[in-house]
């Protein structure tokens, strides 16, 4: 997840597709399926449960933030967590991405 060519290869389903990130997604899904019932009902999952039960409406900032996340991930080939890890390389594109990510998080929280 810290190698942009690997992520871009996975997202390029119409070209030279690299399915190896499916292992990451399958593992995460497996952990989720095992832990879901254990975590269910905790304060961590309460906002999600309220939304799924129709008690809370989906907020525009969630939709807008999701779009920004997807565009950033798809164009840069960087996921936020691994991008922060990559800061140790001190590469300008990584620094720029993390700065843009922080600015995006701030603007979605502040203005939307």
PDB file of N, CA and C in Angstrom:
ATOM      1  N   UNK A   1       0.815  -1.207   0.000  1.00  0.00           N
ATOM      2  CA  UNK A   1       0.000   0.000   0.000  1.00  0.00           C
ATOM      3  C   UNK A   1       0.854   1.266   0.000  1.00  0.00           C
ATOM      4  N   UNK A   2       2.139   1.132   0.135  1.00  0.00           N
ATOM      5  CA  UNK A   2       2.998   2.324   0.113  1.00  0.00           C
ATOM      6  C   UNK A   2       3.648   2.532  -1.247  1.00  0.00           C
ATOM      7  N   UNK A   3       3.283   1.709  -2.207  1.00  0.00           N
ATOM      8  CA  UNK A   3       3.850   1.847  -3.557  1.00  0.00           C
ATOM      9  C   UNK A   3       2.765   2.278  -4.535  1.00  0.00           C
ATOM     10  N   UNK A   4       2.766   3.562  -4.934  1.00  0.00           N
ATOM     11  CA  UNK A   4       1.724   4.053  -5.840  1.00  0.00           C
ATOM     12  C   UNK A   4       1.562   3.235  -7.120  1.00  0.00           C
ATOM     13  N   UNK A   5       2.636   2.750  -7.761  1.00  0.00           N
ATOM     14  CA  UNK A   5       2.407   1.945  -8.974  1.00  0.00           C
ATOM     15  C   UNK A   5       1.576   0.687  -8.706  1.00  0.00           C
ATOM     16  N   UNK A   6       1.714   0.106  -7.524  1.00  0.00           N
ATOM     17  CA  UNK A   6       0.943  -1.081  -7.162  1.00  0.00           C
ATOM     18  C   UNK A   6      -0.543  -0.730  -7.041  1.00  0.00           C
ATOM     19  N   UNK A   7      -0.841   0.396  -6.408  1.00  0.00           N
ATOM     20  CA  UNK A   7      -2.238   0.824  -6.244  1.00  0.00           C
ATOM     21  C   UNK A   7      -2.841   1.207  -7.583  1.00  0.00           C
ATOM     22  N   UNK A   8      -2.105   1.970  -8.373  1.00  0.00           N
ATOM     23  CA  UNK A   8      -2.621   2.377  -9.685  1.00  0.00           C
ATOM     24  C   UNK A   8      -2.826   1.163 -10.580  1.00  0.00           C
ATOM     25  N   UNK A   9      -1.949   0.166 -10.461  1.00  0.00           N
ATOM     26  CA  UNK A   9      -2.123  -1.077 -11.215  1.00  0.00           C
ATOM     27  C   UNK A   9      -3.387  -1.818 -10.809  1.00  0.00           C
ATOM     28  N   UNK A  10      -3.706  -1.766  -9.524  1.00  0.00           N
ATOM     29  CA  UNK A  10      -4.931  -2.408  -9.047  1.00  0.00           C
ATOM     30  C   UNK A  10      -6.172  -1.664  -9.526  1.00  0.00           C
ATOM     31  N   UNK A  11      -6.103  -0.341  -9.558  1.00  0.00           N
ATOM     32  CA  UNK A  11      -7.259   0.457  -9.987  1.00  0.00           C
ATOM     33  C   UNK A  11      -7.457   0.453 -11.498  1.00  0.00           C
ATOM     34  N   UNK A  12      -6.472   0.044 -12.246  1.00  0.00           N
ATOM     35  CA  UNK A  12      -6.534   0.038 -13.709  1.00  0.00           C
ATOM     36  C   UNK A  12      -7.157  -1.266 -14.199  1.00  0.00           C
ATOM     37  N   UNK A  13      -8.464  -1.414 -13.993  1.00  0.00           N
ATOM     38  CA  UNK A  13      -9.120  -2.675 -14.338  1.00  0.00           C
ATOM     39  C   UNK A  13      -9.298  -2.871 -15.842  1.00  0.00           C
ATOM     40  N   UNK A  14      -9.221  -1.812 -16.608  1.00  0.00           N
ATOM     41  CA  UNK A  14      -9.376  -1.942 -18.059  1.00  0.00           C
ATOM     42  C   UNK A  14      -8.037  -2.088 -18.775  1.00  0.00           C
ATOM     43  N   UNK A  15      -6.953  -1.931 -18.058  1.00  0.00           N
ATOM     44  CA  UNK A  15      -5.626  -2.026 -18.659  1.00  0.00           C
ATOM     45  C   UNK A  15      -4.860  -3.215 -18.106  1.00  0.00           C
ATOM     46  N   UNK A  16      -3.642  -2.967 -17.690  1.00  0.00           N
ATOM     47  CA  UNK A  16      -2.774  -4.007 -17.138  1.00  0.00           C
ATOM     48  C   UNK A  16      -3.069  -4.155 -15.647  1.00  0.00           C
ATOM     49  N   UNK A  17      -4.156  -4.884 -15.334  1.00  0.00           N
ATOM     50  CA  UNK A  17      -4.656  -4.980 -13.974  1.00  0.00           C
ATOM     51  C   UNK A  17      -3.760  -5.838 -13.104  1.00  0.00           C
ATOM     52  N   UNK A  18      -3.469  -5.362 -11.885  1.00  0.00           N
ATOM     53  CA  UNK A  18      -2.662  -6.091 -10.907  1.00  0.00           C
ATOM     54  C   UNK A  18      -3.559  -6.437  -9.718  1.00  0.00           C
ATOM     55  N   UNK A  19      -4.021  -7.689  -9.611  1.00  0.00           N
ATOM     56  CA  UNK A  19      -4.996  -8.046  -8.582  1.00  0.00           C
ATOM     57  C   UNK A  19      -4.399  -8.334  -7.199  1.00  0.00           C
ATOM     58  N   UNK A  20      -3.120  -8.116  -6.979  1.00  0.00           N
ATOM     59  CA  UNK A  20      -2.492  -8.527  -5.730  1.00  0.00           C
ATOM     60  C   UNK A  20      -3.030  -7.795  -4.496  1.00  0.00           C
ATOM     61  N   UNK A  21      -3.583  -6.607  -4.647  1.00  0.00           N
ATOM     62  CA  UNK A  21      -4.146  -5.910  -3.485  1.00  0.00           C
ATOM     63  C   UNK A  21      -5.441  -6.553  -2.995  1.00  0.00           C
ATOM     64  N   UNK A  22      -5.974  -7.484  -3.772  1.00  0.00           N
ATOM     65  CA  UNK A  22      -7.157  -8.202  -3.306  1.00  0.00           C
ATOM     66  C   UNK A  22      -6.861  -8.962  -2.021  1.00  0.00           C
ATOM     67  N   UNK A  23      -5.617  -9.372  -1.817  1.00  0.00           N
ATOM     68  CA  UNK A  23      -5.230 -10.052  -0.584  1.00  0.00           C
ATOM     69  C   UNK A  23      -5.458  -9.122   0.608  1.00  0.00           C
ATOM     70  N   UNK A  24      -5.077  -7.863   0.462  1.00  0.00           N
ATOM     71  CA  UNK A  24      -5.279  -6.872   1.530  1.00  0.00           C
ATOM     72  C   UNK A  24      -6.768  -6.703   1.805  1.00  0.00           C
ATOM     73  N   UNK A  25      -7.556  -6.536   0.756  1.00  0.00           N
ATOM     74  CA  UNK A  25      -8.989  -6.333   0.928  1.00  0.00           C
ATOM     75  C   UNK A  25      -9.672  -7.577   1.502  1.00  0.00           C
ATOM     76  N   UNK A  26      -9.267  -8.759   1.053  1.00  0.00           N
ATOM     77  CA  UNK A  26      -9.863  -9.997   1.564  1.00  0.00           C
ATOM     78  C   UNK A  26      -9.520 -10.183   3.041  1.00  0.00           C
ATOM     79  N   UNK A  27      -8.301  -9.879   3.421  1.00  0.00           N
ATOM     80  CA  UNK A  27      -7.900  -9.993   4.820  1.00  0.00           C
ATOM     81  C   UNK A  27      -8.677  -9.005   5.681  1.00  0.00           C
ATOM     82  N   UNK A  28      -8.790  -7.769   5.230  1.00  0.00           N
ATOM     83  CA  UNK A  28      -9.534  -6.759   5.981  1.00  0.00           C
ATOM     84  C   UNK A  28     -11.003  -7.150   6.116  1.00  0.00           C
ATOM     85  N   UNK A  29     -11.581  -7.686   5.060  1.00  0.00           N
ATOM     86  CA  UNK A  29     -12.979  -8.121   5.102  1.00  0.00           C
ATOM     87  C   UNK A  29     -13.150  -9.275   6.082  1.00  0.00           C
ATOM     88  N   UNK A  30     -12.205 -10.205   6.078  1.00  0.00           N
ATOM     89  CA  UNK A  30     -12.252 -11.328   7.019  1.00  0.00           C
ATOM     90  C   UNK A  30     -12.189 -10.867   8.462  1.00  0.00           C
ATOM     91  N   UNK A  31     -11.291  -9.955   8.762  1.00  0.00           N
ATOM     92  CA  UNK A  31     -11.186  -9.416  10.122  1.00  0.00           C
ATOM     93  C   UNK A  31     -12.478  -8.696  10.503  1.00  0.00           C
ATOM     94  N   UNK A  32     -13.015  -7.925   9.562  1.00  0.00           N
ATOM     95  CA  UNK A  32     -14.276  -7.210   9.811  1.00  0.00           C
ATOM     96  C   UNK A  32     -15.400  -8.196  10.143  1.00  0.00           C
ATOM     97  N   UNK A  33     -15.520  -9.252   9.350  1.00  0.00           N
ATOM     98  CA  UNK A  33     -16.600 -10.216   9.563  1.00  0.00           C
ATOM     99  C   UNK A  33     -16.485 -10.900  10.920  1.00  0.00           C
ATOM    100  N   UNK A  34     -15.269 -11.153  11.352  1.00  0.00           N
ATOM    101  CA  UNK A  34     -15.046 -11.791  12.651  1.00  0.00           C
ATOM    102  C   UNK A  34     -15.343 -10.822  13.793  1.00  0.00           C
ATOM    103  N   UNK A  35     -14.925  -9.571  13.662  1.00  0.00           N
ATOM    104  CA  UNK A  35     -15.002  -8.602  14.764  1.00  0.00           C
ATOM    105  C   UNK A  35     -16.288  -7.783  14.791  1.00  0.00           C
ATOM    106  N   UNK A  36     -17.075  -7.808  13.738  1.00  0.00           N
ATOM    107  CA  UNK A  36     -18.249  -6.941  13.652  1.00  0.00           C
ATOM    108  C   UNK A  36     -19.185  -7.106  14.848  1.00  0.00           C
ATOM    109  N   UNK A  37     -19.565  -8.326  15.136  1.00  0.00           N
ATOM    110  CA  UNK A  37     -20.502  -8.573  16.241  1.00  0.00           C
ATOM    111  C   UNK A  37     -19.886  -8.206  17.591  1.00  0.00           C
ATOM    112  N   UNK A  38     -18.591  -8.364  17.715  1.00  0.00           N
ATOM    113  CA  UNK A  38     -17.887  -8.043  18.951  1.00  0.00           C
ATOM    114  C   UNK A  38     -17.892  -6.533  19.210  1.00  0.00           C
ATOM    115  N   UNK A  39     -17.725  -5.749  18.143  1.00  0.00           N
ATOM    116  CA  UNK A  39     -17.642  -4.298  18.263  1.00  0.00           C
ATOM    117  C   UNK A  39     -19.032  -3.654  18.214  1.00  0.00           C
ATOM    118  N   UNK A  40     -19.982  -4.352  17.643  1.00  0.00           N
ATOM    119  CA  UNK A  40     -21.336  -3.828  17.487  1.00  0.00           C
ATOM    120  C   UNK A  40     -21.892  -3.363  18.832  1.00  0.00           C
ATOM    121  N   UNK A  41     -22.475  -2.185  18.843  1.00  0.00           N
ATOM    122  CA  UNK A  41     -23.048  -1.643  20.058  1.00  0.00           C
ATOM    123  C   UNK A  41     -22.097  -0.757  20.841  1.00  0.00           C
ATOM    124  N   UNK A  42     -20.851  -0.683  20.439  1.00  0.00           N
ATOM    125  CA  UNK A  42     -19.909   0.193  21.134  1.00  0.00           C
ATOM    126  C   UNK A  42     -20.060   1.614  20.603  1.00  0.00           C
ATOM    127  N   UNK A  43     -19.477   2.575  21.297  1.00  0.00           N
ATOM    128  CA  UNK A  43     -19.574   3.968  20.855  1.00  0.00           C
ATOM    129  C   UNK A  43     -18.864   4.186  19.527  1.00  0.00           C
ATOM    130  N   UNK A  44     -17.934   3.299  19.179  1.00  0.00           N
ATOM    131  CA  UNK A  44     -17.220   3.419  17.903  1.00  0.00           C
ATOM    132  C   UNK A  44     -18.167   3.198  16.738  1.00  0.00           C
ATOM    133  N   UNK A  45     -19.054   2.239  16.854  1.00  0.00           N
ATOM    134  CA  UNK A  45     -19.954   1.897  15.752  1.00  0.00           C
ATOM    135  C   UNK A  45     -21.301   2.611  15.820  1.00  0.00           C
ATOM    136  N   UNK A  46     -21.559   3.372  16.862  1.00  0.00           N
ATOM    137  CA  UNK A  46     -22.872   3.994  17.028  1.00  0.00           C
ATOM    138  C   UNK A  46     -23.282   4.884  15.850  1.00  0.00           C
ATOM    139  N   UNK A  47     -22.414   5.774  15.330  1.00  0.00           N
ATOM    140  CA  UNK A  47     -22.835   6.595  14.176  1.00  0.00           C
ATOM    141  C   UNK A  47     -23.228   5.739  12.965  1.00  0.00           C
ATOM    142  N   UNK A  48     -22.476   4.673  12.703  1.00  0.00           N
ATOM    143  CA  UNK A  48     -22.789   3.792  11.581  1.00  0.00           C
ATOM    144  C   UNK A  48     -24.117   3.088  11.823  1.00  0.00           C
ATOM    145  N   UNK A  49     -24.332   2.598  13.027  1.00  0.00           N
ATOM    146  CA  UNK A  49     -25.583   1.917  13.341  1.00  0.00           C
ATOM    147  C   UNK A  49     -26.778   2.863  13.215  1.00  0.00           C
ATOM    148  N   UNK A  50     -26.629   4.101  13.688  1.00  0.00           N
ATOM    149  CA  UNK A  50     -27.710   5.087  13.559  1.00  0.00           C
ATOM    150  C   UNK A  50     -28.054   5.344  12.102  1.00  0.00           C
ATOM    151  N   UNK A  51     -27.021   5.434  11.259  1.00  0.00           N
ATOM    152  CA  UNK A  51     -27.255   5.662   9.830  1.00  0.00           C
ATOM    153  C   UNK A  51     -27.969   4.459   9.205  1.00  0.00           C
ATOM    154  N   UNK A  52     -27.482   3.259   9.496  1.00  0.00           N
ATOM    155  CA  UNK A  52     -28.065   2.059   8.905  1.00  0.00           C
ATOM    156  C   UNK A  52     -29.507   1.836   9.354  1.00  0.00           C
ATOM    157  N   UNK A  53     -29.848   2.256  10.556  1.00  0.00           N
ATOM    158  CA  UNK A  53     -31.203   2.101  11.069  1.00  0.00           C
ATOM    159  C   UNK A  53     -32.124   3.244  10.642  1.00  0.00           C
ATOM    160  N   UNK A  54     -31.590   4.209   9.900  1.00  0.00           N
ATOM    161  CA  UNK A  54     -32.387   5.323   9.424  1.00  0.00           C
ATOM    162  C   UNK A  54     -32.579   6.429  10.440  1.00  0.00           C
ATOM    163  N   UNK A  55     -31.869   6.371  11.567  1.00  0.00           N
ATOM    164  CA  UNK A  55     -31.997   7.406  12.597  1.00  0.00           C
ATOM    165  C   UNK A  55     -31.230   8.672  12.231  1.00  0.00           C
ATOM    166  N   UNK A  56     -30.274   8.539  11.358  1.00  0.00           N
ATOM    167  CA  UNK A  56     -29.459   9.689  10.977  1.00  0.00           C
ATOM    168  C   UNK A  56     -29.308   9.717   9.463  1.00  0.00           C
ATOM    169  N   UNK A  57     -29.397  10.905   8.891  1.00  0.00           N
ATOM    170  CA  UNK A  57     -29.249  11.056   7.444  1.00  0.00           C
ATOM    171  C   UNK A  57     -27.777  11.196   7.083  1.00  0.00           C
ATOM    172  N   UNK A  58     -27.464  10.776   5.878  1.00  0.00           N
ATOM    173  CA  UNK A  58     -26.101  10.907   5.367  1.00  0.00           C
ATOM    174  C   UNK A  58     -25.818  12.384   5.123  1.00  0.00           C
ATOM    175  N   UNK A  59     -24.749  12.885   5.701  1.00  0.00           N
ATOM    176  CA  UNK A  59     -24.427  14.306   5.613  1.00  0.00           C
ATOM    177  C   UNK A  59     -23.640  14.602   4.334  1.00  0.00           C
ATOM    178  N   UNK A  60     -23.861  15.789   3.747  1.00  0.00           N
ATOM    179  CA  UNK A  60     -23.148  16.159   2.527  1.00  0.00           C
ATOM    180  C   UNK A  60     -21.628  16.113   2.689  1.00  0.00           C
ATOM    181  N   UNK A  61     -21.115  16.457   3.866  1.00  0.00           N
ATOM    182  CA  UNK A  61     -19.654  16.441   4.041  1.00  0.00           C
ATOM    183  C   UNK A  61     -19.094  15.032   3.957  1.00  0.00           C
ATOM    184  N   UNK A  62     -19.904  14.027   4.336  1.00  0.00           N
ATOM    185  CA  UNK A  62     -19.450  12.640   4.210  1.00  0.00           C
ATOM    186  C   UNK A  62     -19.350  12.259   2.736  1.00  0.00           C
ATOM    187  N   UNK A  63     -20.350  12.646   1.967  1.00  0.00           N
ATOM    188  CA  UNK A  63     -20.337  12.354   0.530  1.00  0.00           C
ATOM    189  C   UNK A  63     -19.190  13.096  -0.150  1.00  0.00           C
ATOM    190  N   UNK A  64     -19.059  14.384   0.137  1.00  0.00           N
ATOM    191  CA  UNK A  64     -17.996  15.200  -0.455  1.00  0.00           C
ATOM    192  C   UNK A  64     -16.614  14.682  -0.050  1.00  0.00           C
ATOM    193  N   UNK A  65     -16.454  14.349   1.213  1.00  0.00           N
ATOM    194  CA  UNK A  65     -15.181  13.815   1.690  1.00  0.00           C
ATOM    195  C   UNK A  65     -14.839  12.490   1.026  1.00  0.00           C
ATOM    196  N   UNK A  66     -15.830  11.648   0.805  1.00  0.00           N
ATOM    197  CA  UNK A  66     -15.617  10.366   0.131  1.00  0.00           C
ATOM    198  C   UNK A  66     -15.173  10.558  -1.310  1.00  0.00           C
ATOM    199  N   UNK A  67     -15.771  11.541  -1.967  1.00  0.00           N
ATOM    200  CA  UNK A  67     -15.382  11.839  -3.351  1.00  0.00           C
ATOM    201  C   UNK A  67     -13.943  12.335  -3.401  1.00  0.00           C
ATOM    202  N   UNK A  68     -13.584  13.239  -2.490  1.00  0.00           N
ATOM    203  CA  UNK A  68     -12.209  13.747  -2.447  1.00  0.00           C
ATOM    204  C   UNK A  68     -11.226  12.608  -2.170  1.00  0.00           C
ATOM    205  N   UNK A  69     -11.577  11.745  -1.214  1.00  0.00           N
ATOM    206  CA  UNK A  69     -10.720  10.598  -0.884  1.00  0.00           C
ATOM    207  C   UNK A  69     -10.501   9.715  -2.109  1.00  0.00           C
ATOM    208  N   UNK A  70     -11.585   9.376  -2.785  1.00  0.00           N
ATOM    209  CA  UNK A  70     -11.476   8.510  -3.959  1.00  0.00           C
ATOM    210  C   UNK A  70     -10.666   9.128  -5.080  1.00  0.00           C
ATOM    211  N   UNK A  71     -10.883  10.407  -5.327  1.00  0.00           N
ATOM    212  CA  UNK A  71     -10.114  11.090  -6.375  1.00  0.00           C
ATOM    213  C   UNK A  71      -8.627  11.157  -6.018  1.00  0.00           C
ATOM    214  N   UNK A  72      -8.339  11.470  -4.773  1.00  0.00           N
ATOM    215  CA  UNK A  72      -6.938  11.540  -4.349  1.00  0.00           C
ATOM    216  C   UNK A  72      -6.258  10.193  -4.418  1.00  0.00           C
ATOM    217  N   UNK A  73      -6.944   9.166  -3.970  1.00  0.00           N
ATOM    218  CA  UNK A  73      -6.379   7.820  -3.975  1.00  0.00           C
ATOM    219  C   UNK A  73      -6.170   7.334  -5.407  1.00  0.00           C
ATOM    220  N   UNK A  74      -7.164   7.582  -6.245  1.00  0.00           N
ATOM    221  CA  UNK A  74      -7.091   7.103  -7.623  1.00  0.00           C
ATOM    222  C   UNK A  74      -6.097   7.849  -8.492  1.00  0.00           C
ATOM    223  N   UNK A  75      -5.913   9.133  -8.255  1.00  0.00           N
ATOM    224  CA  UNK A  75      -4.984   9.890  -9.100  1.00  0.00           C
ATOM    225  C   UNK A  75      -3.555   9.830  -8.587  1.00  0.00           C
ATOM    226  N   UNK A  76      -3.374   9.821  -7.269  1.00  0.00           N
ATOM    227  CA  UNK A  76      -2.017   9.809  -6.715  1.00  0.00           C
ATOM    228  C   UNK A  76      -1.519   8.394  -6.463  1.00  0.00           C
ATOM    229  N   UNK A  77      -2.432   7.463  -6.293  1.00  0.00           N
ATOM    230  CA  UNK A  77      -2.018   6.103  -5.979  1.00  0.00           C
ATOM    231  C   UNK A  77      -1.543   5.975  -4.539  1.00  0.00           C
ATOM    232  N   UNK A  78      -1.995   6.866  -3.694  1.00  0.00           N
ATOM    233  CA  UNK A  78      -1.593   6.848  -2.291  1.00  0.00           C
ATOM    234  C   UNK A  78      -2.824   6.781  -1.404  1.00  0.00           C
ATOM    235  N   UNK A  79      -2.763   5.935  -0.414  1.00  0.00           N
ATOM    236  CA  UNK A  79      -3.803   5.857   0.597  1.00  0.00           C
ATOM    237  C   UNK A  79      -3.297   6.664   1.795  1.00  0.00           C
ATOM    238  N   UNK A  80      -4.177   7.327   2.540  1.00  0.00           N
ATOM    239  CA  UNK A  80      -3.722   8.214   3.611  1.00  0.00           C
ATOM    240  C   UNK A  80      -2.775   7.594   4.631  1.00  0.00           C
ATOM    241  N   UNK A  81      -3.089   6.429   5.164  1.00  0.00           N
ATOM    242  CA  UNK A  81      -2.214   5.812   6.172  1.00  0.00           C
ATOM    243  C   UNK A  81      -0.814   5.540   5.644  1.00  0.00           C
ATOM    244  N   UNK A  82      -0.700   4.812   4.538  1.00  0.00           N
ATOM    245  CA  UNK A  82       0.631   4.577   3.969  1.00  0.00           C
ATOM    246  C   UNK A  82       1.331   5.860   3.526  1.00  0.00           C
ATOM    247  N   UNK A  83       0.578   6.873   3.121  1.00  0.00           N
ATOM    248  CA  UNK A  83       1.206   8.136   2.725  1.00  0.00           C
ATOM    249  C   UNK A  83       1.900   8.788   3.915  1.00  0.00           C
ATOM    250  N   UNK A  84       1.267   8.726   5.082  1.00  0.00           N
ATOM    251  CA  UNK A  84       1.906   9.274   6.286  1.00  0.00           C
ATOM    252  C   UNK A  84       3.170   8.471   6.599  1.00  0.00           C
ATOM    253  N   UNK A  85       3.108   7.171   6.419  1.00  0.00           N
ATOM    254  CA  UNK A  85       4.285   6.327   6.618  1.00  0.00           C
ATOM    255  C   UNK A  85       5.394   6.719   5.646  1.00  0.00           C
ATOM    256  N   UNK A  86       5.021   7.027   4.415  1.00  0.00           N
ATOM    257  CA  UNK A  86       6.004   7.396   3.387  1.00  0.00           C
ATOM    258  C   UNK A  86       6.653   8.755   3.616  1.00  0.00           C
ATOM    259  N   UNK A  87       6.158   9.534   4.567  1.00  0.00           N
ATOM    260  CA  UNK A  87       6.773  10.833   4.852  1.00  0.00           C
ATOM    261  C   UNK A  87       8.250  10.692   5.233  1.00  0.00           C
ATOM    262  N   UNK A  88       8.627   9.545   5.775  1.00  0.00           N
ATOM    263  CA  UNK A  88      10.032   9.350   6.165  1.00  0.00           C
ATOM    264  C   UNK A  88      10.974   9.361   4.961  1.00  0.00           C
ATOM    265  N   UNK A  89      10.416   9.160   3.761  1.00  0.00           N
ATOM    266  CA  UNK A  89      11.258   9.193   2.561  1.00  0.00           C
ATOM    267  C   UNK A  89      11.575  10.616   2.136  1.00  0.00           C
ATOM    268  N   UNK A  90      10.839  11.588   2.671  1.00  0.00           N
ATOM    269  CA  UNK A  90      11.023  13.022   2.375  1.00  0.00           C
ATOM    270  C   UNK A  90      10.949  13.330   0.882  1.00  0.00           C
ATOM    271  N   UNK A  91      10.146  12.563   0.144  1.00  0.00           N
ATOM    272  CA  UNK A  91       9.949  12.828  -1.278  1.00  0.00           C
ATOM    273  C   UNK A  91       8.895  13.927  -1.426  1.00  0.00           C
ATOM    274  N   UNK A  92       9.164  14.880  -2.287  1.00  0.00           N
ATOM    275  CA  UNK A  92       8.275  16.022  -2.450  1.00  0.00           C
ATOM    276  C   UNK A  92       6.845  15.614  -2.816  1.00  0.00           C
ATOM    277  N   UNK A  93       6.630  14.667  -3.750  1.00  0.00           N
ATOM    278  CA  UNK A  93       5.242  14.295  -4.064  1.00  0.00           C
ATOM    279  C   UNK A  93       4.483  13.742  -2.851  1.00  0.00           C
ATOM    280  N   UNK A  94       5.172  13.009  -1.997  1.00  0.00           N
ATOM    281  CA  UNK A  94       4.521  12.462  -0.802  1.00  0.00           C
ATOM    282  C   UNK A  94       4.158  13.597   0.158  1.00  0.00           C
ATOM    283  N   UNK A  95       5.089  14.512   0.367  1.00  0.00           N
ATOM    284  CA  UNK A  95       4.841  15.661   1.247  1.00  0.00           C
ATOM    285  C   UNK A  95       3.673  16.485   0.712  1.00  0.00           C
ATOM    286  N   UNK A  96       3.644  16.697  -0.593  1.00  0.00           N
ATOM    287  CA  UNK A  96       2.566  17.457  -1.219  1.00  0.00           C
ATOM    288  C   UNK A  96       1.225  16.747  -1.042  1.00  0.00           C
ATOM    289  N   UNK A  97       1.225  15.439  -1.224  1.00  0.00           N
ATOM    290  CA  UNK A  97      -0.009  14.667  -1.060  1.00  0.00           C
ATOM    291  C   UNK A  97      -0.528  14.772   0.369  1.00  0.00           C
ATOM    292  N   UNK A  98       0.351  14.582   1.358  1.00  0.00           N
ATOM    293  CA  UNK A  98      -0.081  14.637   2.761  1.00  0.00           C
ATOM    294  C   UNK A  98      -0.562  16.046   3.119  1.00  0.00           C
ATOM    295  N   UNK A  99       0.119  17.076   2.617  1.00  0.00           N
ATOM    296  CA  UNK A  99      -0.324  18.448   2.863  1.00  0.00           C
ATOM    297  C   UNK A  99      -1.711  18.671   2.257  1.00  0.00           C
ATOM    298  N   UNK A 100      -1.923  18.197   1.041  1.00  0.00           N
ATOM    299  CA  UNK A 100      -3.232  18.310   0.397  1.00  0.00           C
ATOM    300  C   UNK A 100      -4.296  17.523   1.139  1.00  0.00           C
ATOM    301  N   UNK A 101      -3.917  16.361   1.631  1.00  0.00           N
ATOM    302  CA  UNK A 101      -4.849  15.532   2.394  1.00  0.00           C
ATOM    303  C   UNK A 101      -5.277  16.257   3.674  1.00  0.00           C
ATOM    304  N   UNK A 102      -4.322  16.838   4.390  1.00  0.00           N
ATOM    305  CA  UNK A 102      -4.642  17.562   5.617  1.00  0.00           C
ATOM    306  C   UNK A 102      -5.511  18.785   5.328  1.00  0.00           C
ATOM    307  N   UNK A 103      -5.195  19.486   4.255  1.00  0.00           N
ATOM    308  CA  UNK A 103      -5.998  20.638   3.857  1.00  0.00           C
ATOM    309  C   UNK A 103      -7.418  20.211   3.499  1.00  0.00           C
ATOM    310  N   UNK A 104      -7.541  19.114   2.788  1.00  0.00           N
ATOM    311  CA  UNK A 104      -8.863  18.593   2.425  1.00  0.00           C
ATOM    312  C   UNK A 104      -9.664  18.186   3.646  1.00  0.00           C
ATOM    313  N   UNK A 105      -9.015  17.509   4.598  1.00  0.00           N
ATOM    314  CA  UNK A 105      -9.718  17.106   5.820  1.00  0.00           C
ATOM    315  C   UNK A 105     -10.181  18.334   6.602  1.00  0.00           C
ATOM    316  N   UNK A 106      -9.327  19.335   6.685  1.00  0.00           N
ATOM    317  CA  UNK A 106      -9.680  20.563   7.396  1.00  0.00           C
ATOM    318  C   UNK A 106     -10.841  21.273   6.716  1.00  0.00           C
ATOM    319  N   UNK A 107     -10.777  21.371   5.387  1.00  0.00           N
ATOM    320  CA  UNK A 107     -11.811  22.128   4.674  1.00  0.00           C
ATOM    321  C   UNK A 107     -13.157  21.419   4.728  1.00  0.00           C
ATOM    322  N   UNK A 108     -13.168  20.106   4.645  1.00  0.00           N
ATOM    323  CA  UNK A 108     -14.434  19.376   4.727  1.00  0.00           C
ATOM    324  C   UNK A 108     -15.031  19.524   6.125  1.00  0.00           C
ATOM    325  N   UNK A 109     -14.199  19.449   7.133  1.00  0.00           N
ATOM    326  CA  UNK A 109     -14.671  19.590   8.522  1.00  0.00           C
ATOM    327  C   UNK A 109     -15.137  21.025   8.806  1.00  0.00           C
ATOM    328  N   UNK A 110     -14.421  21.999   8.291  1.00  0.00           N
ATOM    329  CA  UNK A 110     -14.677  23.403   8.619  1.00  0.00           C
ATOM    330  C   UNK A 110     -15.817  24.018   7.788  1.00  0.00           C
ATOM    331  N   UNK A 111     -15.832  23.730   6.487  1.00  0.00           N
ATOM    332  CA  UNK A 111     -16.724  24.467   5.587  1.00  0.00           C
ATOM    333  C   UNK A 111     -17.935  23.707   5.098  1.00  0.00           C
ATOM    334  N   UNK A 112     -17.967  22.418   5.296  1.00  0.00           N
ATOM    335  CA  UNK A 112     -19.109  21.665   4.749  1.00  0.00           C
ATOM    336  C   UNK A 112     -19.864  20.989   5.883  1.00  0.00           C
TER     337      UNK A 112
END
